[in-house]
């Protein structure tokens, strides 16, 4: 195939109307991708929450050890 015929074929493919099946399949792929991204963000956020809860507990214990009142003063 020549460059010209390949280019024409590509342009025709880009310009043609998509079938309902193709549109739905594209939307499904997009939905799956967004779901995976959201799950990743959720896992990261949960890990950050857990880390900070443990950090707060550790710091509270240290604060109690080093102050008479056990508060933030």
C-alpha atoms as a PDB file:
ATOM      1  CA  UNK A   1       0.000   0.000   0.000  1.00  0.00           C
ATOM      2  CA  UNK A   2       1.214   3.451  -0.813  1.00  0.00           C
ATOM      3  CA  UNK A   3       1.391   6.314   1.628  1.00  0.00           C
ATOM      4  CA  UNK A   4      -1.500   8.015  -0.138  1.00  0.00           C
ATOM      5  CA  UNK A   5      -3.837   5.015   0.040  1.00  0.00           C
ATOM      6  CA  UNK A   6      -2.894   4.352   3.659  1.00  0.00           C
ATOM      7  CA  UNK A   7      -3.596   7.974   4.547  1.00  0.00           C
ATOM      8  CA  UNK A   8      -6.942   7.940   2.756  1.00  0.00           C
ATOM      9  CA  UNK A   9      -7.930   4.706   4.487  1.00  0.00           C
ATOM     10  CA  UNK A  10      -6.983   6.181   7.878  1.00  0.00           C
ATOM     11  CA  UNK A  11      -8.963   9.380   7.271  1.00  0.00           C
ATOM     12  CA  UNK A  12     -12.025   7.406   6.165  1.00  0.00           C
ATOM     13  CA  UNK A  13     -11.805   5.294   9.325  1.00  0.00           C
ATOM     14  CA  UNK A  14     -11.527   8.368  11.542  1.00  0.00           C
ATOM     15  CA  UNK A  15     -14.410  10.163   9.831  1.00  0.00           C
ATOM     16  CA  UNK A  16     -16.922   7.294   9.657  1.00  0.00           C
ATOM     17  CA  UNK A  17     -19.866   7.125  12.042  1.00  0.00           C
ATOM     18  CA  UNK A  18     -19.307   4.747  14.930  1.00  0.00           C
ATOM     19  CA  UNK A  19     -21.729   1.927  15.629  1.00  0.00           C
ATOM     20  CA  UNK A  20     -23.611   1.819  18.920  1.00  0.00           C
ATOM     21  CA  UNK A  21     -21.548  -1.228  19.877  1.00  0.00           C
ATOM     22  CA  UNK A  22     -18.286   0.681  19.363  1.00  0.00           C
ATOM     23  CA  UNK A  23     -19.544   3.647  21.391  1.00  0.00           C
ATOM     24  CA  UNK A  24     -20.660   1.398  24.268  1.00  0.00           C
ATOM     25  CA  UNK A  25     -17.390  -0.573  24.184  1.00  0.00           C
ATOM     26  CA  UNK A  26     -15.380   2.662  24.366  1.00  0.00           C
ATOM     27  CA  UNK A  27     -17.471   3.904  27.297  1.00  0.00           C
ATOM     28  CA  UNK A  28     -17.036   0.551  29.085  1.00  0.00           C
ATOM     29  CA  UNK A  29     -13.255   0.733  28.703  1.00  0.00           C
ATOM     30  CA  UNK A  30     -13.299   4.292  30.035  1.00  0.00           C
ATOM     31  CA  UNK A  31     -15.509   3.311  32.997  1.00  0.00           C
ATOM     32  CA  UNK A  32     -13.217   0.401  33.915  1.00  0.00           C
ATOM     33  CA  UNK A  33     -10.163   2.642  33.745  1.00  0.00           C
ATOM     34  CA  UNK A  34     -11.763   5.321  35.955  1.00  0.00           C
ATOM     35  CA  UNK A  35     -12.854   2.635  38.451  1.00  0.00           C
ATOM     36  CA  UNK A  36      -9.309   1.287  38.689  1.00  0.00           C
ATOM     37  CA  UNK A  37      -7.963   4.803  39.212  1.00  0.00           C
ATOM     38  CA  UNK A  38     -10.538   5.449  41.955  1.00  0.00           C
ATOM     39  CA  UNK A  39      -9.670   2.162  43.686  1.00  0.00           C
ATOM     40  CA  UNK A  40      -5.988   3.102  43.628  1.00  0.00           C
ATOM     41  CA  UNK A  41      -6.754   6.526  45.106  1.00  0.00           C
ATOM     42  CA  UNK A  42      -8.938   4.919  47.774  1.00  0.00           C
ATOM     43  CA  UNK A  43      -6.208   2.454  48.768  1.00  0.00           C
ATOM     44  CA  UNK A  44      -3.695   5.291  48.981  1.00  0.00           C
ATOM     45  CA  UNK A  45      -6.049   7.439  51.093  1.00  0.00           C
ATOM     46  CA  UNK A  46      -6.812   4.561  53.466  1.00  0.00           C
ATOM     47  CA  UNK A  47      -3.099   3.910  53.920  1.00  0.00           C
ATOM     48  CA  UNK A  48      -2.511   7.602  54.674  1.00  0.00           C
ATOM     49  CA  UNK A  49      -5.331   7.601  57.232  1.00  0.00           C
ATOM     50  CA  UNK A  50      -3.973   4.480  58.921  1.00  0.00           C
ATOM     51  CA  UNK A  51      -0.450   5.902  58.973  1.00  0.00           C
ATOM     52  CA  UNK A  52      -1.592   9.156  60.561  1.00  0.00           C
ATOM     53  CA  UNK A  53      -3.766   7.392  63.145  1.00  0.00           C
ATOM     54  CA  UNK A  54      -0.749   5.320  64.224  1.00  0.00           C
ATOM     55  CA  UNK A  55       1.403   8.438  64.250  1.00  0.00           C
ATOM     56  CA  UNK A  56      -1.111  10.320  66.436  1.00  0.00           C
ATOM     57  CA  UNK A  57      -1.250   7.398  68.892  1.00  0.00           C
ATOM     58  CA  UNK A  58       2.537   7.253  69.053  1.00  0.00           C
ATOM     59  CA  UNK A  59       2.863  11.000  69.563  1.00  0.00           C
ATOM     60  CA  UNK A  60       0.175  11.041  72.261  1.00  0.00           C
ATOM     61  CA  UNK A  61       2.072   8.331  74.137  1.00  0.00           C
ATOM     62  CA  UNK A  62       5.343  10.271  73.840  1.00  0.00           C
ATOM     63  CA  UNK A  63       3.631  13.472  74.947  1.00  0.00           C
ATOM     64  CA  UNK A  64       2.270  11.758  78.034  1.00  0.00           C
ATOM     65  CA  UNK A  65       5.744  10.423  78.837  1.00  0.00           C
ATOM     66  CA  UNK A  66       7.383  13.842  78.591  1.00  0.00           C
ATOM     67  CA  UNK A  67       4.831  16.163  80.190  1.00  0.00           C
ATOM     68  CA  UNK A  68       3.127  16.081  83.530  1.00  0.00           C
ATOM     69  CA  UNK A  69      -0.269  17.131  82.192  1.00  0.00           C
ATOM     70  CA  UNK A  70      -0.181  14.919  79.097  1.00  0.00           C
ATOM     71  CA  UNK A  71      -1.566  17.685  76.909  1.00  0.00           C
ATOM     72  CA  UNK A  72      -0.180  19.769  74.081  1.00  0.00           C
ATOM     73  CA  UNK A  73       1.340  22.449  76.354  1.00  0.00           C
END
